[in-house]
N, C-alpha and C. Protein backbone atom coordinates (compact mmCIF):
# COMPACT_ATOMS: atom_id res chain seq x y z
N MET A 1 42.16 56.00 -30.28
CA MET A 1 41.82 54.45 -30.24
C MET A 1 42.93 53.77 -30.85
N ASN A 2 43.38 52.67 -30.03
CA ASN A 2 44.47 51.68 -30.44
C ASN A 2 44.09 50.63 -31.36
N ILE A 3 44.97 49.97 -31.92
CA ILE A 3 44.61 48.86 -32.85
C ILE A 3 43.73 47.92 -32.31
N ALA A 4 43.78 47.48 -31.04
CA ALA A 4 42.89 46.58 -30.48
C ALA A 4 41.61 47.04 -30.46
N GLU A 5 41.35 48.20 -29.99
CA GLU A 5 40.03 48.72 -29.92
C GLU A 5 39.44 48.95 -31.44
N ARG A 6 40.30 49.36 -32.28
CA ARG A 6 39.87 49.55 -33.63
C ARG A 6 39.36 48.24 -34.33
N LEU A 7 40.17 47.26 -34.06
CA LEU A 7 39.83 45.83 -34.66
C LEU A 7 38.41 45.44 -34.07
N LYS A 8 38.31 45.58 -32.78
CA LYS A 8 37.03 45.07 -32.16
C LYS A 8 35.85 45.87 -32.74
N ASP A 9 36.07 47.20 -32.77
CA ASP A 9 34.97 48.00 -33.29
C ASP A 9 34.63 47.76 -34.77
N LEU A 10 35.62 47.48 -35.45
CA LEU A 10 35.39 47.22 -36.92
C LEU A 10 34.64 45.80 -37.10
N ARG A 11 35.04 44.98 -36.32
CA ARG A 11 34.50 43.50 -36.22
C ARG A 11 33.03 43.57 -35.81
N LYS A 12 32.82 44.33 -34.85
CA LYS A 12 31.38 44.47 -34.44
C LYS A 12 30.51 45.16 -35.44
N LYS A 13 30.94 46.17 -36.02
CA LYS A 13 30.20 46.94 -37.02
C LYS A 13 29.95 46.04 -38.20
N ALA A 14 30.94 45.19 -38.50
CA ALA A 14 30.77 44.39 -39.71
C ALA A 14 29.89 43.04 -39.25
N ARG A 15 29.55 42.93 -37.92
CA ARG A 15 28.71 41.85 -37.46
C ARG A 15 29.31 40.53 -37.63
N TYR A 16 30.52 40.46 -37.49
CA TYR A 16 31.43 39.26 -37.46
C TYR A 16 31.56 38.79 -36.07
N SER A 17 31.65 37.55 -35.93
CA SER A 17 32.08 36.88 -34.64
C SER A 17 33.70 36.73 -34.80
N GLN A 18 34.34 36.56 -33.51
CA GLN A 18 35.75 36.34 -33.73
C GLN A 18 36.01 35.15 -34.46
N GLU A 19 35.17 34.22 -34.43
CA GLU A 19 35.45 32.74 -35.00
C GLU A 19 35.33 33.05 -36.60
N GLN A 20 34.38 33.85 -36.98
CA GLN A 20 34.24 34.21 -38.38
C GLN A 20 35.52 34.98 -38.93
N VAL A 21 35.93 35.95 -38.26
CA VAL A 21 37.22 36.60 -38.61
C VAL A 21 38.32 35.67 -38.72
N ALA A 22 38.38 34.85 -37.62
CA ALA A 22 39.61 33.94 -37.65
C ALA A 22 39.61 33.11 -38.80
N GLU A 23 38.34 32.42 -39.16
CA GLU A 23 38.35 31.64 -40.34
C GLU A 23 38.52 32.27 -41.55
N ILE A 24 38.14 33.44 -41.82
CA ILE A 24 38.54 34.24 -43.01
C ILE A 24 39.86 34.50 -43.22
N LEU A 25 40.57 34.84 -41.94
CA LEU A 25 41.87 35.16 -42.06
C LEU A 25 42.89 34.11 -41.91
N ASN A 26 42.29 32.72 -41.72
CA ASN A 26 43.15 31.48 -41.55
C ASN A 26 44.05 31.73 -40.18
N VAL A 27 43.53 32.15 -39.18
CA VAL A 27 44.07 32.23 -37.93
C VAL A 27 43.26 31.63 -36.78
N SER A 28 43.57 31.41 -35.66
CA SER A 28 42.76 30.88 -34.64
C SER A 28 41.88 32.00 -34.00
N ARG A 29 40.88 31.58 -33.40
CA ARG A 29 39.95 32.54 -32.63
C ARG A 29 40.77 33.17 -31.50
N GLN A 30 41.56 32.34 -30.90
CA GLN A 30 42.39 32.93 -29.80
C GLN A 30 43.26 34.07 -30.25
N ALA A 31 43.78 33.93 -31.49
CA ALA A 31 44.60 35.10 -32.09
C ALA A 31 43.76 36.29 -32.09
N VAL A 32 42.69 36.18 -32.75
CA VAL A 32 41.67 37.40 -32.84
C VAL A 32 41.35 38.00 -31.46
N SER A 33 41.11 37.09 -30.45
CA SER A 33 40.79 37.46 -29.21
C SER A 33 42.00 38.26 -28.58
N LYS A 34 43.23 37.67 -28.86
CA LYS A 34 44.44 38.36 -28.32
C LYS A 34 44.62 39.68 -28.81
N TRP A 35 44.31 39.87 -30.21
CA TRP A 35 44.45 41.18 -30.90
C TRP A 35 43.58 42.20 -30.29
N GLU A 36 42.41 41.70 -30.01
CA GLU A 36 41.31 42.65 -29.46
C GLU A 36 41.58 43.07 -28.04
N SER A 37 42.20 42.32 -27.30
CA SER A 37 42.46 42.51 -25.97
C SER A 37 43.94 43.11 -25.70
N ALA A 38 44.46 43.41 -26.78
CA ALA A 38 45.86 44.04 -26.78
C ALA A 38 46.90 43.22 -26.20
N GLN A 39 46.74 41.86 -26.12
CA GLN A 39 47.82 41.00 -25.73
C GLN A 39 48.84 40.86 -26.66
N CYS A 40 48.59 40.99 -27.99
CA CYS A 40 49.56 40.98 -29.14
C CYS A 40 48.84 41.73 -30.20
N CYS A 41 49.74 41.89 -31.28
CA CYS A 41 49.20 42.58 -32.52
C CYS A 41 49.20 41.47 -33.68
N PRO A 42 48.35 41.80 -34.63
CA PRO A 42 48.30 41.00 -35.81
C PRO A 42 49.71 41.00 -36.55
N ASP A 43 50.12 40.03 -37.22
CA ASP A 43 51.30 39.88 -37.96
C ASP A 43 51.15 40.99 -39.12
N ILE A 44 52.17 41.74 -39.38
CA ILE A 44 52.13 42.85 -40.31
C ILE A 44 51.65 42.15 -41.73
N GLN A 45 52.13 40.89 -42.11
CA GLN A 45 51.64 40.42 -43.33
C GLN A 45 50.05 40.30 -43.41
N LEU A 46 49.47 40.22 -42.36
CA LEU A 46 47.89 40.14 -42.28
C LEU A 46 47.14 41.40 -42.43
N LEU A 47 47.95 42.60 -42.36
CA LEU A 47 47.27 43.84 -42.27
C LEU A 47 46.46 44.11 -43.62
N PRO A 48 46.99 43.81 -44.85
CA PRO A 48 46.25 44.00 -46.05
C PRO A 48 44.93 43.20 -46.13
N ALA A 49 44.93 41.92 -45.62
CA ALA A 49 43.79 41.03 -45.49
C ALA A 49 42.78 41.65 -44.51
N ILE A 50 43.27 42.08 -43.38
CA ILE A 50 42.34 42.59 -42.39
C ILE A 50 41.75 43.85 -42.95
N ALA A 51 42.44 44.79 -43.45
CA ALA A 51 41.94 45.94 -44.18
C ALA A 51 40.96 45.68 -45.11
N GLU A 52 41.18 44.75 -45.97
CA GLU A 52 40.19 44.28 -47.01
C GLU A 52 38.86 43.77 -46.45
N LEU A 53 39.06 42.95 -45.49
CA LEU A 53 37.92 42.32 -44.86
C LEU A 53 37.01 43.38 -44.31
N PHE A 54 37.59 44.43 -43.73
CA PHE A 54 36.71 45.44 -43.00
C PHE A 54 36.47 46.73 -43.95
N GLU A 55 36.97 46.56 -45.18
CA GLU A 55 36.74 47.64 -46.12
C GLU A 55 37.25 48.99 -45.71
N VAL A 56 38.42 48.89 -45.25
CA VAL A 56 39.30 50.12 -44.70
C VAL A 56 40.58 50.12 -45.35
N THR A 57 41.25 51.24 -45.32
CA THR A 57 42.62 51.13 -45.71
C THR A 57 43.50 50.78 -44.57
N ILE A 58 44.79 50.47 -44.83
CA ILE A 58 45.61 50.12 -43.70
C ILE A 58 45.87 51.33 -42.73
N ASP A 59 45.93 52.52 -43.32
CA ASP A 59 45.99 53.65 -42.62
C ASP A 59 44.86 53.76 -41.54
N GLU A 60 43.67 53.60 -42.13
CA GLU A 60 42.45 53.70 -41.18
C GLU A 60 42.36 52.60 -40.13
N LEU A 61 43.05 51.46 -40.53
CA LEU A 61 43.10 50.31 -39.60
C LEU A 61 43.99 50.60 -38.50
N MET A 62 45.08 51.45 -38.84
CA MET A 62 45.99 51.69 -37.80
C MET A 62 45.67 53.00 -37.09
N GLY A 63 44.50 53.70 -37.36
CA GLY A 63 43.93 54.79 -36.60
C GLY A 63 44.27 56.15 -37.23
N HIS A 64 44.81 55.98 -38.53
CA HIS A 64 45.17 57.27 -39.15
C HIS A 64 44.09 57.69 -40.23
N LYS A 65 43.89 59.05 -40.33
CA LYS A 65 42.71 59.38 -41.30
C LYS A 65 43.27 59.69 -42.57
């Protein structure tokens, strides 16, 4: 599973909309959409906040166990 698929899966499991994730992370909804469609990746500085939001480690976020 790549980062795009992982982000979408985590968001859906947490029952967040793209808009809610965007608001929490202070990014646009379009940015979240692009991450989930593999058009681009989140900025590396956002990884800790994303991991915290979904209650996973950065390693888990990146697909490592």
